[in-house]
Amino acid sequence: MYTLYALWGTPPDPAAFEDYYWETHAPLAAKLPGIRELNLVRTSDAIEGAESLHYRIAELVFDTKEALDECQKSPEWDALVADAGLMVERFDVSLGNAAGDRVDGLR
């Protein structure tokens, strides 16, 4: 499986961000062609008293990197990326990303 991570910074107004995230942004991500899993984490803790580096993490899971590449050619992808850009401006948040092959470390 190939996973794309969207790493959101902490918004100044978490309630407004969360409302928009659940009402608009998450449904756009759920419509992406080829997506197999959409895992949405609202971080609340870090270990040993540290602060979490990210406010929210989204995992978008595809079968392969090629499946993600194909998805990125779609109008659904364009809509999601445009909406993410609007969110960065509207909610004054940072957004980073990373991607890679997912490996089961328990095997």
PDB file of N, CA and C in Angstrom:
ATOM      1  N   MET A   1       0.846  -1.179   0.000  1.00  0.00           N
ATOM      2  CA  MET A   1       0.000   0.000   0.000  1.00  0.00           C
ATOM      3  C   MET A   1       0.894   1.246   0.000  1.00  0.00           C
ATOM      4  N   TYR A   2       0.415   2.288  -0.643  1.00  0.00           N
ATOM      5  CA  TYR A   2       1.157   3.542  -0.731  1.00  0.00           C
ATOM      6  C   TYR A   2       0.337   4.612  -0.020  1.00  0.00           C
ATOM      7  N   THR A   3       0.956   5.340   0.906  1.00  0.00           N
ATOM      8  CA  THR A   3       0.229   6.268   1.755  1.00  0.00           C
ATOM      9  C   THR A   3       0.746   7.682   1.586  1.00  0.00           C
ATOM     10  N   LEU A   4      -0.199   8.597   1.411  1.00  0.00           N
ATOM     11  CA  LEU A   4       0.078  10.033   1.400  1.00  0.00           C
ATOM     12  C   LEU A   4      -0.387  10.589   2.736  1.00  0.00           C
ATOM     13  N   TYR A   5       0.481  11.343   3.393  1.00  0.00           N
ATOM     14  CA  TYR A   5       0.152  11.971   4.674  1.00  0.00           C
ATOM     15  C   TYR A   5      -0.006  13.472   4.472  1.00  0.00           C
ATOM     16  N   ALA A   6      -1.107  14.013   4.952  1.00  0.00           N
ATOM     17  CA  ALA A   6      -1.315  15.458   4.999  1.00  0.00           C
ATOM     18  C   ALA A   6      -1.164  15.872   6.458  1.00  0.00           C
ATOM     19  N   LEU A   7      -0.245  16.788   6.716  1.00  0.00           N
ATOM     20  CA  LEU A   7       0.141  17.159   8.083  1.00  0.00           C
ATOM     21  C   LEU A   7      -0.258  18.611   8.338  1.00  0.00           C
ATOM     22  N   TRP A   8      -1.313  18.802   9.104  1.00  0.00           N
ATOM     23  CA  TRP A   8      -1.871  20.127   9.346  1.00  0.00           C
ATOM     24  C   TRP A   8      -1.304  20.735  10.631  1.00  0.00           C
ATOM     25  N   GLY A   9      -0.968  22.017  10.574  1.00  0.00           N
ATOM     26  CA  GLY A   9      -0.566  22.753  11.763  1.00  0.00           C
ATOM     27  C   GLY A   9      -1.790  23.152  12.579  1.00  0.00           C
ATOM     28  N   THR A  10      -1.551  23.702  13.743  1.00  0.00           N
ATOM     29  CA  THR A  10      -2.640  24.087  14.644  1.00  0.00           C
ATOM     30  C   THR A  10      -3.278  25.397  14.193  1.00  0.00           C
ATOM     31  N   PRO A  11      -4.581  25.395  13.970  1.00  0.00           N
ATOM     32  CA  PRO A  11      -5.259  26.627  13.565  1.00  0.00           C
ATOM     33  C   PRO A  11      -5.539  27.520  14.775  1.00  0.00           C
ATOM     34  N   PRO A  12      -5.575  28.838  14.570  1.00  0.00           N
ATOM     35  CA  PRO A  12      -5.931  29.744  15.664  1.00  0.00           C
ATOM     36  C   PRO A  12      -7.360  29.528  16.177  1.00  0.00           C
ATOM     37  N   ASP A  13      -8.258  29.091  15.291  1.00  0.00           N
ATOM     38  CA  ASP A  13      -9.649  28.824  15.667  1.00  0.00           C
ATOM     39  C   ASP A  13      -9.971  27.360  15.343  1.00  0.00           C
ATOM     40  N   PRO A  14      -9.629  26.454  16.258  1.00  0.00           N
ATOM     41  CA  PRO A  14      -9.846  25.028  15.980  1.00  0.00           C
ATOM     42  C   PRO A  14     -11.297  24.658  15.677  1.00  0.00           C
ATOM     43  N   ALA A  15     -12.252  25.279  16.347  1.00  0.00           N
ATOM     44  CA  ALA A  15     -13.658  24.926  16.128  1.00  0.00           C
ATOM     45  C   ALA A  15     -14.082  25.227  14.693  1.00  0.00           C
ATOM     46  N   ALA A  16     -13.721  26.391  14.178  1.00  0.00           N
ATOM     47  CA  ALA A  16     -14.075  26.751  12.804  1.00  0.00           C
ATOM     48  C   ALA A  16     -13.369  25.821  11.808  1.00  0.00           C
ATOM     49  N   PHE A  17     -12.100  25.538  12.084  1.00  0.00           N
ATOM     50  CA  PHE A  17     -11.349  24.623  11.224  1.00  0.00           C
ATOM     51  C   PHE A  17     -12.021  23.260  11.189  1.00  0.00           C
ATOM     52  N   GLU A  18     -12.361  22.711  12.347  1.00  0.00           N
ATOM     53  CA  GLU A  18     -12.970  21.381  12.430  1.00  0.00           C
ATOM     54  C   GLU A  18     -14.305  21.329  11.701  1.00  0.00           C
ATOM     55  N   ASP A  19     -15.132  22.357  11.876  1.00  0.00           N
ATOM     56  CA  ASP A  19     -16.420  22.388  11.179  1.00  0.00           C
ATOM     57  C   ASP A  19     -16.214  22.298   9.671  1.00  0.00           C
ATOM     58  N   TYR A  20     -15.315  23.117   9.161  1.00  0.00           N
ATOM     59  CA  TYR A  20     -15.067  23.126   7.726  1.00  0.00           C
ATOM     60  C   TYR A  20     -14.433  21.813   7.274  1.00  0.00           C
ATOM     61  N   TYR A  21     -13.497  21.329   8.046  1.00  0.00           N
ATOM     62  CA  TYR A  21     -12.792  20.086   7.703  1.00  0.00           C
ATOM     63  C   TYR A  21     -13.777  18.945   7.505  1.00  0.00           C
ATOM     64  N   TRP A  22     -14.710  18.790   8.461  1.00  0.00           N
ATOM     65  CA  TRP A  22     -15.647  17.670   8.397  1.00  0.00           C
ATOM     66  C   TRP A  22     -16.765  17.893   7.398  1.00  0.00           C
ATOM     67  N   GLU A  23     -17.204  19.147   7.230  1.00  0.00           N
ATOM     68  CA  GLU A  23     -18.322  19.418   6.330  1.00  0.00           C
ATOM     69  C   GLU A  23     -17.904  19.504   4.863  1.00  0.00           C
ATOM     70  N   THR A  24     -16.661  19.923   4.605  1.00  0.00           N
ATOM     71  CA  THR A  24     -16.247  20.185   3.228  1.00  0.00           C
ATOM     72  C   THR A  24     -15.022  19.386   2.800  1.00  0.00           C
ATOM     73  N   HIS A  25     -13.941  19.484   3.556  1.00  0.00           N
ATOM     74  CA  HIS A  25     -12.681  18.929   3.084  1.00  0.00           C
ATOM     75  C   HIS A  25     -12.636  17.397   3.122  1.00  0.00           C
ATOM     76  N   ALA A  26     -13.003  16.800   4.230  1.00  0.00           N
ATOM     77  CA  ALA A  26     -12.971  15.331   4.329  1.00  0.00           C
ATOM     78  C   ALA A  26     -13.855  14.656   3.282  1.00  0.00           C
ATOM     79  N   PRO A  27     -15.059  15.173   3.022  1.00  0.00           N
ATOM     80  CA  PRO A  27     -15.868  14.551   1.957  1.00  0.00           C
ATOM     81  C   PRO A  27     -15.204  14.624   0.571  1.00  0.00           C
ATOM     82  N   LEU A  28     -14.453  15.692   0.306  1.00  0.00           N
ATOM     83  CA  LEU A  28     -13.725  15.776  -0.965  1.00  0.00           C
ATOM     84  C   LEU A  28     -12.666  14.678  -1.040  1.00  0.00           C
ATOM     85  N   ALA A  29     -11.938  14.468   0.052  1.00  0.00           N
ATOM     86  CA  ALA A  29     -10.906  13.424   0.078  1.00  0.00           C
ATOM     87  C   ALA A  29     -11.521  12.040  -0.105  1.00  0.00           C
ATOM     88  N   ALA A  30     -12.679  11.833   0.472  1.00  0.00           N
ATOM     89  CA  ALA A  30     -13.338  10.523   0.381  1.00  0.00           C
ATOM     90  C   ALA A  30     -13.758  10.185  -1.050  1.00  0.00           C
ATOM     91  N   LYS A  31     -13.880  11.179  -1.912  1.00  0.00           N
ATOM     92  CA  LYS A  31     -14.308  10.971  -3.295  1.00  0.00           C
ATOM     93  C   LYS A  31     -13.147  10.730  -4.267  1.00  0.00           C
ATOM     94  N   LEU A  32     -11.922  10.732  -3.774  1.00  0.00           N
ATOM     95  CA  LEU A  32     -10.779  10.571  -4.671  1.00  0.00           C
ATOM     96  C   LEU A  32     -10.804   9.214  -5.365  1.00  0.00           C
ATOM     97  N   PRO A  33     -10.565   9.192  -6.665  1.00  0.00           N
ATOM     98  CA  PRO A  33     -10.539   7.899  -7.353  1.00  0.00           C
ATOM     99  C   PRO A  33      -9.339   7.063  -6.912  1.00  0.00           C
ATOM    100  N   GLY A  34      -9.612   5.798  -6.638  1.00  0.00           N
ATOM    101  CA  GLY A  34      -8.547   4.865  -6.275  1.00  0.00           C
ATOM    102  C   GLY A  34      -8.185   4.847  -4.805  1.00  0.00           C
ATOM    103  N   ILE A  35      -8.782   5.705  -3.993  1.00  0.00           N
ATOM    104  CA  ILE A  35      -8.436   5.719  -2.565  1.00  0.00           C
ATOM    105  C   ILE A  35      -8.991   4.453  -1.911  1.00  0.00           C
ATOM    106  N   ARG A  36      -8.179   3.815  -1.065  1.00  0.00           N
ATOM    107  CA  ARG A  36      -8.582   2.575  -0.388  1.00  0.00           C
ATOM    108  C   ARG A  36      -8.944   2.806   1.073  1.00  0.00           C
ATOM    109  N   GLU A  37      -8.221   3.733   1.707  1.00  0.00           N
ATOM    110  CA  GLU A  37      -8.495   4.087   3.107  1.00  0.00           C
ATOM    111  C   GLU A  37      -8.299   5.581   3.264  1.00  0.00           C
ATOM    112  N   LEU A  38      -9.095   6.161   4.149  1.00  0.00           N
ATOM    113  CA  LEU A  38      -8.936   7.560   4.528  1.00  0.00           C
ATOM    114  C   LEU A  38      -8.988   7.599   6.050  1.00  0.00           C
ATOM    115  N   ASN A  39      -7.821   7.740   6.667  1.00  0.00           N
ATOM    116  CA  ASN A  39      -7.713   7.738   8.121  1.00  0.00           C
ATOM    117  C   ASN A  39      -7.431   9.167   8.578  1.00  0.00           C
ATOM    118  N   LEU A  40      -8.305   9.700   9.422  1.00  0.00           N
ATOM    119  CA  LEU A  40      -8.221  11.092   9.851  1.00  0.00           C
ATOM    120  C   LEU A  40      -7.979  11.143  11.353  1.00  0.00           C
ATOM    121  N   VAL A  41      -6.852  11.714  11.741  1.00  0.00           N
ATOM    122  CA  VAL A  41      -6.440  11.733  13.151  1.00  0.00           C
ATOM    123  C   VAL A  41      -6.379  13.171  13.638  1.00  0.00           C
ATOM    124  N   ARG A  42      -7.077  13.452  14.717  1.00  0.00           N
ATOM    125  CA  ARG A  42      -6.942  14.729  15.419  1.00  0.00           C
ATOM    126  C   ARG A  42      -6.025  14.457  16.592  1.00  0.00           C
ATOM    127  N   THR A  43      -4.773  14.912  16.493  1.00  0.00           N
ATOM    128  CA  THR A  43      -3.821  14.611  17.552  1.00  0.00           C
ATOM    129  C   THR A  43      -4.183  15.379  18.815  1.00  0.00           C
ATOM    130  N   SER A  44      -3.977  14.732  19.938  1.00  0.00           N
ATOM    131  CA  SER A  44      -4.265  15.388  21.209  1.00  0.00           C
ATOM    132  C   SER A  44      -3.129  15.214  22.216  1.00  0.00           C
ATOM    133  N   ASP A  45      -2.251  14.274  21.943  1.00  0.00           N
ATOM    134  CA  ASP A  45      -1.195  13.964  22.899  1.00  0.00           C
ATOM    135  C   ASP A  45       0.112  13.664  22.170  1.00  0.00           C
ATOM    136  N   ALA A  46       1.183  13.778  22.915  1.00  0.00           N
ATOM    137  CA  ALA A  46       2.489  13.302  22.478  1.00  0.00           C
ATOM    138  C   ALA A  46       3.114  12.617  23.686  1.00  0.00           C
ATOM    139  N   ILE A  47       4.102  11.798  23.459  1.00  0.00           N
ATOM    140  CA  ILE A  47       4.673  11.054  24.578  1.00  0.00           C
ATOM    141  C   ILE A  47       5.647  11.913  25.374  1.00  0.00           C
ATOM    142  N   GLU A  48       5.802  11.549  26.610  1.00  0.00           N
ATOM    143  CA  GLU A  48       6.756  12.153  27.541  1.00  0.00           C
ATOM    144  C   GLU A  48       6.606  13.662  27.679  1.00  0.00           C
ATOM    145  N   GLY A  49       5.341  14.135  27.612  1.00  0.00           N
ATOM    146  CA  GLY A  49       5.073  15.547  27.858  1.00  0.00           C
ATOM    147  C   GLY A  49       5.367  16.482  26.700  1.00  0.00           C
ATOM    148  N   ALA A  50       5.813  15.955  25.590  1.00  0.00           N
ATOM    149  CA  ALA A  50       6.097  16.807  24.430  1.00  0.00           C
ATOM    150  C   ALA A  50       4.793  17.272  23.790  1.00  0.00           C
ATOM    151  N   GLU A  51       4.871  18.366  23.040  1.00  0.00           N
ATOM    152  CA  GLU A  51       3.715  18.824  22.284  1.00  0.00           C
ATOM    153  C   GLU A  51       3.702  18.115  20.936  1.00  0.00           C
ATOM    154  N   SER A  52       2.518  17.834  20.450  1.00  0.00           N
ATOM    155  CA  SER A  52       2.394  17.212  19.138  1.00  0.00           C
ATOM    156  C   SER A  52       2.896  18.169  18.061  1.00  0.00           C
ATOM    157  N   LEU A  53       3.612  17.640  17.098  1.00  0.00           N
ATOM    158  CA  LEU A  53       4.121  18.463  16.001  1.00  0.00           C
ATOM    159  C   LEU A  53       3.024  18.866  15.025  1.00  0.00           C
ATOM    160  N   HIS A  54       1.910  18.122  15.008  1.00  0.00           N
ATOM    161  CA  HIS A  54       0.838  18.369  14.062  1.00  0.00           C
ATOM    162  C   HIS A  54      -0.498  18.356  14.779  1.00  0.00           C
ATOM    163  N   TYR A  55      -1.406  19.195  14.312  1.00  0.00           N
ATOM    164  CA  TYR A  55      -2.756  19.279  14.872  1.00  0.00           C
ATOM    165  C   TYR A  55      -3.630  18.144  14.347  1.00  0.00           C
ATOM    166  N   ARG A  56      -3.505  17.893  13.055  1.00  0.00           N
ATOM    167  CA  ARG A  56      -4.314  16.864  12.418  1.00  0.00           C
ATOM    168  C   ARG A  56      -3.466  16.187  11.351  1.00  0.00           C
ATOM    169  N   ILE A  57      -3.630  14.877  11.220  1.00  0.00           N
ATOM    170  CA  ILE A  57      -2.916  14.092  10.213  1.00  0.00           C
ATOM    171  C   ILE A  57      -3.945  13.278   9.439  1.00  0.00           C
ATOM    172  N   ALA A  58      -3.868  13.376   8.123  1.00  0.00           N
ATOM    173  CA  ALA A  58      -4.732  12.559   7.268  1.00  0.00           C
ATOM    174  C   ALA A  58      -3.851  11.558   6.527  1.00  0.00           C
ATOM    175  N   GLU A  59      -4.282  10.316   6.526  1.00  0.00           N
ATOM    176  CA  GLU A  59      -3.610   9.255   5.767  1.00  0.00           C
ATOM    177  C   GLU A  59      -4.511   8.871   4.602  1.00  0.00           C
ATOM    178  N   LEU A  60      -4.022   9.079   3.408  1.00  0.00           N
ATOM    179  CA  LEU A  60      -4.758   8.707   2.200  1.00  0.00           C
ATOM    180  C   LEU A  60      -4.029   7.519   1.599  1.00  0.00           C
ATOM    181  N   VAL A  61      -4.665   6.360   1.618  1.00  0.00           N
ATOM    182  CA  VAL A  61      -4.011   5.106   1.255  1.00  0.00           C
ATOM    183  C   VAL A  61      -4.479   4.648  -0.132  1.00  0.00           C
ATOM    184  N   PHE A  62      -3.503   4.331  -0.965  1.00  0.00           N
ATOM    185  CA  PHE A  62      -3.735   3.840  -2.319  1.00  0.00           C
ATOM    186  C   PHE A  62      -3.039   2.491  -2.476  1.00  0.00           C
ATOM    187  N   ASP A  63      -3.411   1.732  -3.485  1.00  0.00           N
ATOM    188  CA  ASP A  63      -2.777   0.441  -3.708  1.00  0.00           C
ATOM    189  C   ASP A  63      -1.295   0.586  -4.025  1.00  0.00           C
ATOM    190  N   THR A  64      -0.964   1.574  -4.862  1.00  0.00           N
ATOM    191  CA  THR A  64       0.407   1.769  -5.328  1.00  0.00           C
ATOM    192  C   THR A  64       0.679   3.253  -5.539  1.00  0.00           C
ATOM    193  N   LYS A  65       1.935   3.607  -5.704  1.00  0.00           N
ATOM    194  CA  LYS A  65       2.294   4.987  -6.054  1.00  0.00           C
ATOM    195  C   LYS A  65       1.659   5.362  -7.390  1.00  0.00           C
ATOM    196  N   GLU A  66       1.606   4.409  -8.299  1.00  0.00           N
ATOM    197  CA  GLU A  66       1.006   4.669  -9.604  1.00  0.00           C
ATOM    198  C   GLU A  66      -0.483   4.996  -9.479  1.00  0.00           C
ATOM    199  N   ALA A  67      -1.165   4.371  -8.538  1.00  0.00           N
ATOM    200  CA  ALA A  67      -2.583   4.686  -8.301  1.00  0.00           C
ATOM    201  C   ALA A  67      -2.733   6.120  -7.800  1.00  0.00           C
ATOM    202  N   LEU A  68      -1.835   6.553  -6.916  1.00  0.00           N
ATOM    203  CA  LEU A  68      -1.856   7.951  -6.470  1.00  0.00           C
ATOM    204  C   LEU A  68      -1.544   8.877  -7.640  1.00  0.00           C
ATOM    205  N   ASP A  69      -0.550   8.520  -8.450  1.00  0.00           N
ATOM    206  CA  ASP A  69      -0.208   9.333  -9.625  1.00  0.00           C
ATOM    207  C   ASP A  69      -1.415   9.515 -10.537  1.00  0.00           C
ATOM    208  N   GLU A  70      -2.168   8.454 -10.767  1.00  0.00           N
ATOM    209  CA  GLU A  70      -3.376   8.538 -11.600  1.00  0.00           C
ATOM    210  C   GLU A  70      -4.425   9.425 -10.939  1.00  0.00           C
ATOM    211  N   CYS A  71      -4.587   9.267  -9.642  1.00  0.00           N
ATOM    212  CA  CYS A  71      -5.543  10.081  -8.895  1.00  0.00           C
ATOM    213  C   CYS A  71      -5.226  11.569  -9.060  1.00  0.00           C
ATOM    214  N   GLN A  72      -3.941  11.897  -9.063  1.00  0.00           N
ATOM    215  CA  GLN A  72      -3.524  13.295  -9.152  1.00  0.00           C
ATOM    216  C   GLN A  72      -3.846  13.929 -10.507  1.00  0.00           C
ATOM    217  N   LYS A  73      -4.297  13.165 -11.450  1.00  0.00           N
ATOM    218  CA  LYS A  73      -4.704  13.681 -12.761  1.00  0.00           C
ATOM    219  C   LYS A  73      -6.209  13.953 -12.815  1.00  0.00           C
ATOM    220  N   SER A  74      -6.910  13.688 -11.734  1.00  0.00           N
ATOM    221  CA  SER A  74      -8.374  13.745 -11.740  1.00  0.00           C
ATOM    222  C   SER A  74      -8.915  15.109 -11.303  1.00  0.00           C
ATOM    223  N   PRO A  75     -10.144  15.426 -11.712  1.00  0.00           N
ATOM    224  CA  PRO A  75     -10.785  16.651 -11.229  1.00  0.00           C
ATOM    225  C   PRO A  75     -11.057  16.611  -9.720  1.00  0.00           C
ATOM    226  N   GLU A  76     -11.251  15.418  -9.184  1.00  0.00           N
ATOM    227  CA  GLU A  76     -11.463  15.302  -7.729  1.00  0.00           C
ATOM    228  C   GLU A  76     -10.207  15.721  -6.975  1.00  0.00           C
ATOM    229  N   TRP A  77      -9.040  15.334  -7.494  1.00  0.00           N
ATOM    230  CA  TRP A  77      -7.776  15.730  -6.876  1.00  0.00           C
ATOM    231  C   TRP A  77      -7.620  17.253  -6.946  1.00  0.00           C
ATOM    232  N   ASP A  78      -7.905  17.814  -8.120  1.00  0.00           N
ATOM    233  CA  ASP A  78      -7.795  19.263  -8.287  1.00  0.00           C
ATOM    234  C   ASP A  78      -8.683  19.996  -7.286  1.00  0.00           C
ATOM    235  N   ALA A  79      -9.886  19.485  -7.074  1.00  0.00           N
ATOM    236  CA  ALA A  79     -10.809  20.113  -6.115  1.00  0.00           C
ATOM    237  C   ALA A  79     -10.263  20.026  -4.692  1.00  0.00           C
ATOM    238  N   LEU A  80      -9.699  18.880  -4.336  1.00  0.00           N
ATOM    239  CA  LEU A  80      -9.145  18.707  -2.990  1.00  0.00           C
ATOM    240  C   LEU A  80      -7.964  19.641  -2.758  1.00  0.00           C
ATOM    241  N   VAL A  81      -7.066  19.719  -3.723  1.00  0.00           N
ATOM    242  CA  VAL A  81      -5.882  20.575  -3.586  1.00  0.00           C
ATOM    243  C   VAL A  81      -6.289  22.042  -3.513  1.00  0.00           C
ATOM    244  N   ALA A  82      -7.241  22.452  -4.347  1.00  0.00           N
ATOM    245  CA  ALA A  82      -7.719  23.839  -4.306  1.00  0.00           C
ATOM    246  C   ALA A  82      -8.337  24.155  -2.948  1.00  0.00           C
ATOM    247  N   ASP A  83      -9.123  23.217  -2.424  1.00  0.00           N
ATOM    248  CA  ASP A  83      -9.746  23.433  -1.123  1.00  0.00           C
ATOM    249  C   ASP A  83      -8.703  23.510  -0.015  1.00  0.00           C
ATOM    250  N   ALA A  84      -7.673  22.672  -0.087  1.00  0.00           N
ATOM    251  CA  ALA A  84      -6.599  22.715   0.917  1.00  0.00           C
ATOM    252  C   ALA A  84      -5.920  24.085   0.896  1.00  0.00           C
ATOM    253  N   GLY A  85      -5.679  24.616  -0.287  1.00  0.00           N
ATOM    254  CA  GLY A  85      -5.083  25.948  -0.390  1.00  0.00           C
ATOM    255  C   GLY A  85      -5.957  27.019   0.235  1.00  0.00           C
ATOM    256  N   LEU A  86      -7.249  26.910   0.009  1.00  0.00           N
ATOM    257  CA  LEU A  86      -8.180  27.854   0.632  1.00  0.00           C
ATOM    258  C   LEU A  86      -8.144  27.732   2.157  1.00  0.00           C
ATOM    259  N   MET A  87      -8.056  26.513   2.642  1.00  0.00           N
ATOM    260  CA  MET A  87      -8.019  26.300   4.090  1.00  0.00           C
ATOM    261  C   MET A  87      -6.765  26.900   4.715  1.00  0.00           C
ATOM    262  N   VAL A  88      -5.631  26.739   4.038  1.00  0.00           N
ATOM    263  CA  VAL A  88      -4.379  27.311   4.552  1.00  0.00           C
ATOM    264  C   VAL A  88      -4.536  28.815   4.740  1.00  0.00           C
ATOM    265  N   GLU A  89      -5.129  29.474   3.764  1.00  0.00           N
ATOM    266  CA  GLU A  89      -5.325  30.930   3.860  1.00  0.00           C
ATOM    267  C   GLU A  89      -6.424  31.290   4.857  1.00  0.00           C
ATOM    268  N   ARG A  90      -7.567  30.650   4.744  1.00  0.00           N
ATOM    269  CA  ARG A  90      -8.722  30.996   5.575  1.00  0.00           C
ATOM    270  C   ARG A  90      -8.478  30.752   7.059  1.00  0.00           C
ATOM    271  N   PHE A  91      -7.806  29.646   7.379  1.00  0.00           N
ATOM    272  CA  PHE A  91      -7.629  29.267   8.777  1.00  0.00           C
ATOM    273  C   PHE A  91      -6.216  29.514   9.295  1.00  0.00           C
ATOM    274  N   ASP A  92      -5.374  30.123   8.471  1.00  0.00           N
ATOM    275  CA  ASP A  92      -4.007  30.483   8.867  1.00  0.00           C
ATOM    276  C   ASP A  92      -3.270  29.273   9.457  1.00  0.00           C
ATOM    277  N   VAL A  93      -3.273  28.184   8.690  1.00  0.00           N
ATOM    278  CA  VAL A  93      -2.612  26.955   9.124  1.00  0.00           C
ATOM    279  C   VAL A  93      -1.530  26.556   8.125  1.00  0.00           C
ATOM    280  N   SER A  94      -0.584  25.770   8.605  1.00  0.00           N
ATOM    281  CA  SER A  94       0.414  25.185   7.712  1.00  0.00           C
ATOM    282  C   SER A  94      -0.095  23.826   7.245  1.00  0.00           C
ATOM    283  N   LEU A  95       0.394  23.410   6.092  1.00  0.00           N
ATOM    284  CA  LEU A  95       0.048  22.097   5.568  1.00  0.00           C
ATOM    285  C   LEU A  95       1.278  21.526   4.888  1.00  0.00           C
ATOM    286  N   GLY A  96       1.740  20.400   5.414  1.00  0.00           N
ATOM    287  CA  GLY A  96       2.857  19.689   4.806  1.00  0.00           C
ATOM    288  C   GLY A  96       2.373  18.343   4.314  1.00  0.00           C
ATOM    289  N   ASN A  97       3.242  17.637   3.607  1.00  0.00           N
ATOM    290  CA  ASN A  97       2.863  16.305   3.156  1.00  0.00           C
ATOM    291  C   ASN A  97       4.102  15.432   3.027  1.00  0.00           C
ATOM    292  N   ALA A  98       3.849  14.155   3.040  1.00  0.00           N
ATOM    293  CA  ALA A  98       4.888  13.138   2.840  1.00  0.00           C
ATOM    294  C   ALA A  98       4.177  11.908   2.301  1.00  0.00           C
ATOM    295  N   ALA A  99       4.911  11.067   1.594  1.00  0.00           N
ATOM    296  CA  ALA A  99       4.288   9.858   1.036  1.00  0.00           C
ATOM    297  C   ALA A  99       5.325   8.744   0.986  1.00  0.00           C
ATOM    298  N   GLY A 100       4.813   7.516   1.022  1.00  0.00           N
ATOM    299  CA  GLY A 100       5.715   6.378   0.916  1.00  0.00           C
ATOM    300  C   GLY A 100       4.966   5.055   1.028  1.00  0.00           C
ATOM    301  N   ASP A 101       5.696   3.983   0.788  1.00  0.00           N
ATOM    302  CA  ASP A 101       5.141   2.653   0.908  1.00  0.00           C
ATOM    303  C   ASP A 101       4.913   2.314   2.371  1.00  0.00           C
ATOM    304  N   ARG A 102       3.759   1.740   2.649  1.00  0.00           N
ATOM    305  CA  ARG A 102       3.438   1.327   4.000  1.00  0.00           C
ATOM    306  C   ARG A 102       3.839  -0.126   4.178  1.00  0.00           C
ATOM    307  N   VAL A 103       4.566  -0.399   5.262  1.00  0.00           N
ATOM    308  CA  VAL A 103       5.051  -1.749   5.555  1.00  0.00           C
ATOM    309  C   VAL A 103       4.562  -2.146   6.936  1.00  0.00           C
ATOM    310  N   ASP A 104       4.059  -3.350   7.076  1.00  0.00           N
ATOM    311  CA  ASP A 104       3.621  -3.862   8.363  1.00  0.00           C
ATOM    312  C   ASP A 104       4.854  -4.213   9.207  1.00  0.00           C
ATOM    313  N   GLY A 105       5.125  -3.425  10.220  1.00  0.00           N
ATOM    314  CA  GLY A 105       6.287  -3.639  11.069  1.00  0.00           C
ATOM    315  C   GLY A 105       6.137  -4.774  12.071  1.00  0.00           C
ATOM    316  N   LEU A 106       4.930  -5.334  12.162  1.00  0.00           N
ATOM    317  CA  LEU A 106       4.694  -6.429  13.111  1.00  0.00           C
ATOM    318  C   LEU A 106       4.902  -7.804  12.479  1.00  0.00           C
ATOM    319  N   ARG A 107       5.158  -7.832  11.222  1.00  0.00           N
ATOM    320  CA  ARG A 107       5.295  -9.147  10.557  1.00  0.00           C
ATOM    321  C   ARG A 107       6.631  -9.751  10.831  1.00  0.00           C
TER     322      ARG A 107
END
